[in-house]
Amino acid sequence: MDRKEVLSALEKAKKESPKRKFSQSVDFIVALKDLDFKKAEHQVDFFVTLHHDTGKKRKICAFVGPELLDEAKSVCDHTVMVDEFGKYAKQKAKKLAQDYDFFISQATIMTKVAAAFGRYLGVRGKMPNPKAGCVVPPKGANMKALYDRLQKTVKITARKIPLIQLRLGVEDMDPEQVTDNILYIYDQLIHHLPGEKNNIQGVYLKLTMGKPVKLEK
């Protein structure tokens, strides 16, 4: 799979997709094979920071103590102070989990975050994750830099079903930027698979309302 092929497939996907009043997402789909998810080394679960954003703003919520309160409020879309955790009953906590894409936590209150929100965030794979840089120290954390990086961060997961589908752009983005994202994700993915390209059955590109266009792996 090379740049020219991806650009051609993207153009074809746009031509064959019905025109909509909204900007459709560009989805990258990878079908996997020969993986035994009972083996930890065969499970896919990692974060990648793309070269470009995906055309959709990521909403970010921060759980903090007093040390980071002012900075978090000035940067993040929503901030929950540790003293406010008790106000989040079941439905309110569920809505919080649904409304935000990433959650940041001050490291010193992670146990309290897990106790209050773990059951709602965990099932959605949204618990503050140190692998994504989302668990931060109470002092010295650069919340603005983290917020900006998360706008370009995607999580790649395949732990039960051998299929990965990711939004990597929108149809009115610069095709070169979308292609950069696709090629970078693909390169990162094959290096996380035990058999690299041998574990890939098929690679596809599609718009939200369009049909998949197959790419060479």
Protein backbone atom coordinates (compact mmCIF):
# COMPACT_ATOMS: atom_id res chain seq x y z
CA MET A 1 0.00 0.00 0.00
CA ASP A 2 1.54 3.28 -1.10
CA ARG A 3 0.58 6.96 -1.15
CA LYS A 4 -0.60 6.95 -4.76
CA GLU A 5 -2.91 4.00 -4.16
CA VAL A 6 -4.44 5.54 -1.03
CA LEU A 7 -5.08 8.86 -2.79
CA SER A 8 -6.71 7.03 -5.68
CA ALA A 9 -8.90 4.96 -3.33
CA LEU A 10 -9.91 8.09 -1.44
CA GLU A 11 -10.95 9.80 -4.67
CA LYS A 12 -12.95 6.72 -5.70
CA ALA A 13 -14.66 6.50 -2.30
CA LYS A 14 -15.74 10.16 -2.60
CA LYS A 15 -17.10 9.70 -6.14
CA GLU A 16 -19.08 6.58 -5.26
CA SER A 17 -20.57 7.89 -2.00
CA PRO A 18 -23.92 9.71 -2.06
CA LYS A 19 -23.61 13.43 -1.45
CA ARG A 20 -24.76 14.49 2.00
CA LYS A 21 -25.41 17.80 3.74
CA PHE A 22 -22.68 16.98 6.25
CA SER A 23 -19.00 16.22 5.81
CA GLN A 24 -18.72 12.44 5.92
CA SER A 25 -15.96 10.76 7.87
CA VAL A 26 -13.19 8.82 6.16
CA ASP A 27 -13.00 5.41 7.80
CA PHE A 28 -9.99 3.09 7.58
CA ILE A 29 -10.90 -0.57 8.05
CA VAL A 30 -8.50 -3.46 8.60
CA ALA A 31 -9.67 -7.09 8.74
CA LEU A 32 -7.26 -9.31 10.68
CA LYS A 33 -6.54 -13.04 10.54
CA ASP A 34 -4.62 -15.81 12.33
CA LEU A 35 -4.83 -14.16 15.74
CA ASP A 36 -5.65 -15.98 18.97
CA PHE A 37 -7.05 -13.33 21.28
CA LYS A 38 -6.63 -15.66 24.24
CA LYS A 39 -2.93 -14.86 23.94
CA ALA A 40 -2.02 -11.42 25.29
CA GLU A 41 0.61 -10.90 22.60
CA HIS A 42 -2.07 -11.32 19.90
CA GLN A 43 -4.32 -8.61 21.31
CA VAL A 44 -4.14 -5.17 19.74
CA ASP A 45 -4.44 -2.27 22.17
CA PHE A 46 -2.35 0.87 21.75
CA PHE A 47 -2.50 4.61 21.09
CA VAL A 48 -1.12 6.53 18.12
CA THR A 49 -0.69 10.28 17.73
CA LEU A 50 -1.39 11.10 14.10
CA HIS A 51 0.38 13.69 11.97
CA HIS A 52 -2.93 15.53 11.51
CA ASP A 53 -6.22 15.71 13.37
CA THR A 54 -9.19 13.67 12.15
CA GLY A 55 -11.44 16.60 11.34
CA LYS A 56 -13.48 16.11 14.50
CA LYS A 57 -12.81 17.94 17.74
CA ARG A 58 -12.11 15.62 20.67
CA LYS A 59 -13.93 16.62 23.86
CA ILE A 60 -11.71 16.19 26.89
CA CYS A 61 -12.64 16.04 30.57
CA ALA A 62 -10.17 16.35 33.45
CA PHE A 63 -10.41 14.90 36.98
CA VAL A 64 -8.20 17.02 39.22
CA GLY A 65 -7.31 18.12 42.71
CA PRO A 66 -6.76 21.76 43.73
CA GLU A 67 -3.20 21.72 42.33
CA LEU A 68 -4.38 21.51 38.69
CA LEU A 69 -7.84 23.02 38.95
CA ASP A 70 -7.14 26.43 37.40
CA GLU A 71 -5.04 25.08 34.53
CA ALA A 72 -7.51 22.30 33.73
CA LYS A 73 -10.43 24.73 33.67
CA SER A 74 -8.58 27.03 31.29
CA VAL A 75 -7.70 24.20 28.87
CA CYS A 76 -10.15 21.30 29.01
CA ASP A 77 -13.77 21.14 27.87
CA HIS A 78 -14.95 20.06 31.31
CA THR A 79 -13.28 19.74 34.70
CA VAL A 80 -14.41 17.72 37.72
CA MET A 81 -12.80 18.54 41.05
CA VAL A 82 -12.14 15.56 43.33
CA ASP A 83 -14.45 17.04 45.96
CA GLU A 84 -17.30 16.92 43.42
CA PHE A 85 -17.10 13.18 42.68
CA GLY A 86 -19.91 12.42 45.11
CA LYS A 87 -22.32 14.55 43.05
CA TYR A 88 -22.07 12.17 40.09
CA ALA A 89 -24.82 9.62 40.57
CA LYS A 90 -25.29 6.74 38.11
CA GLN A 91 -27.07 8.59 35.28
CA LYS A 92 -24.89 11.69 35.53
CA ALA A 93 -21.72 9.59 35.48
CA LYS A 94 -22.98 7.63 32.47
CA LYS A 95 -23.68 10.85 30.59
CA LEU A 96 -20.20 12.13 31.39
CA ALA A 97 -18.73 8.92 29.97
CA GLN A 98 -20.80 9.29 26.80
CA ASP A 99 -20.12 12.98 26.22
CA TYR A 100 -16.31 13.03 26.32
CA ASP A 101 -13.71 11.30 24.15
CA PHE A 102 -10.73 11.36 26.53
CA PHE A 103 -10.40 11.66 30.29
CA ILE A 104 -7.34 13.05 32.05
CA SER A 105 -6.66 12.35 35.71
CA GLN A 106 -4.28 13.83 38.24
CA ALA A 107 -2.14 10.87 39.30
CA THR A 108 -2.65 11.42 43.03
CA ILE A 109 -6.42 10.91 42.77
CA MET A 110 -6.55 7.98 40.33
CA THR A 111 -7.85 5.55 42.96
CA LYS A 112 -10.74 7.91 43.68
CA VAL A 113 -11.43 8.29 39.94
CA ALA A 114 -11.54 4.50 39.57
CA ALA A 115 -13.90 4.14 42.51
CA ALA A 116 -16.29 6.85 41.35
CA PHE A 117 -16.20 6.46 37.56
CA GLY A 118 -14.46 3.17 36.74
CA ARG A 119 -17.63 1.19 36.04
CA TYR A 120 -18.83 3.79 33.55
CA LEU A 121 -15.56 4.67 31.84
CA GLY A 122 -14.04 1.19 31.86
CA VAL A 123 -16.71 -0.45 29.69
CA ARG A 124 -16.16 2.28 27.08
CA GLY A 125 -12.36 2.03 27.20
CA LYS A 126 -12.16 5.61 28.43
CA MET A 127 -10.42 5.33 31.80
CA PRO A 128 -7.51 7.82 32.04
CA ASN A 129 -4.67 5.87 30.47
CA PRO A 130 -0.98 6.53 31.19
CA LYS A 131 -0.12 5.07 27.76
CA ALA A 132 -1.91 8.04 26.21
CA GLY A 133 -0.32 10.44 28.69
CA CYS A 134 -3.66 10.96 30.42
CA VAL A 135 -2.43 10.39 33.99
CA VAL A 136 -0.52 13.51 34.98
CA PRO A 137 1.43 14.68 38.04
CA PRO A 138 -0.06 17.37 40.28
CA LYS A 139 2.82 19.69 39.43
CA GLY A 140 4.63 20.26 36.14
CA ALA A 141 1.89 18.92 33.88
CA ASN A 142 1.50 20.80 30.60
CA MET A 143 -2.24 20.49 30.13
CA LYS A 144 -2.35 22.58 26.96
CA ALA A 145 0.25 20.42 25.18
CA LEU A 146 -1.58 17.27 26.27
CA TYR A 147 -4.94 18.64 25.15
CA ASP A 148 -3.53 19.49 21.70
CA ARG A 149 -1.89 16.07 21.35
CA LEU A 150 -5.09 14.25 22.24
CA GLN A 151 -6.83 16.02 19.35
CA LYS A 152 -4.64 13.88 17.07
CA THR A 153 -4.63 10.69 19.17
CA VAL A 154 -6.53 7.52 18.26
CA LYS A 155 -6.82 4.21 20.06
CA ILE A 156 -6.34 1.03 18.03
CA THR A 157 -8.05 -1.96 19.59
CA ALA A 158 -8.78 -5.56 18.58
CA ARG A 159 -9.12 -7.84 21.59
CA LYS A 160 -12.21 -9.88 20.75
CA ILE A 161 -13.15 -9.26 17.12
CA PRO A 162 -10.53 -9.34 14.32
CA LEU A 163 -11.58 -6.01 12.86
CA ILE A 164 -10.32 -2.45 13.31
CA GLN A 165 -12.26 0.58 12.09
CA LEU A 166 -10.95 4.09 12.65
CA ARG A 167 -12.04 7.56 11.62
CA LEU A 168 -8.91 9.18 10.17
CA GLY A 169 -10.35 12.24 8.48
CA VAL A 170 -13.35 13.83 6.81
CA GLU A 171 -14.15 14.11 3.12
CA ASP A 172 -13.41 17.84 2.86
CA MET A 173 -9.96 17.55 4.47
CA ASP A 174 -6.82 17.86 2.39
CA PRO A 175 -6.47 14.37 0.80
CA GLU A 176 -2.72 14.45 1.46
CA GLN A 177 -3.34 14.87 5.19
CA VAL A 178 -5.87 12.03 5.29
CA THR A 179 -3.40 9.87 3.38
CA ASP A 180 -0.63 10.74 5.85
CA ASN A 181 -2.86 9.55 8.69
CA ILE A 182 -3.76 6.31 6.93
CA LEU A 183 -0.20 5.38 5.99
CA TYR A 184 1.10 6.18 9.47
CA ILE A 185 -1.62 4.16 11.21
CA TYR A 186 -1.03 1.20 8.90
CA ASP A 187 2.72 1.27 9.56
CA GLN A 188 2.17 1.40 13.31
CA LEU A 189 -0.40 -1.40 13.20
CA ILE A 190 1.69 -3.91 11.31
CA HIS A 191 4.52 -3.43 13.80
CA HIS A 192 2.14 -4.28 16.65
CA LEU A 193 0.96 -7.55 15.06
CA PRO A 194 2.88 -10.76 15.83
CA GLY A 195 2.99 -11.74 12.15
CA GLU A 196 3.00 -8.18 10.82
CA LYS A 197 1.45 -8.12 7.29
CA ASN A 198 0.72 -11.85 7.52
CA ASN A 199 -1.98 -11.06 10.09
CA ILE A 200 -3.81 -8.72 7.72
CA GLN A 201 -6.62 -10.18 5.65
CA GLY A 202 -7.86 -7.02 3.96
CA VAL A 203 -7.61 -3.23 4.07
CA TYR A 204 -10.45 -0.89 3.09
CA LEU A 205 -11.35 2.77 2.89
CA LYS A 206 -14.87 4.17 3.00
CA LEU A 207 -16.93 7.28 3.67
CA THR A 208 -19.72 7.19 6.25
CA MET A 209 -22.49 6.48 3.74
CA GLY A 210 -20.37 4.89 1.04
CA LYS A 211 -19.18 1.43 0.07
CA PRO A 212 -15.72 0.13 1.05
CA VAL A 213 -12.90 0.51 -1.43
CA LYS A 214 -10.28 -2.23 -1.12
CA LEU A 215 -6.58 -1.38 -0.86
CA GLU A 216 -3.58 -3.60 -1.43
CA LYS A 217 -1.90 -4.49 1.87
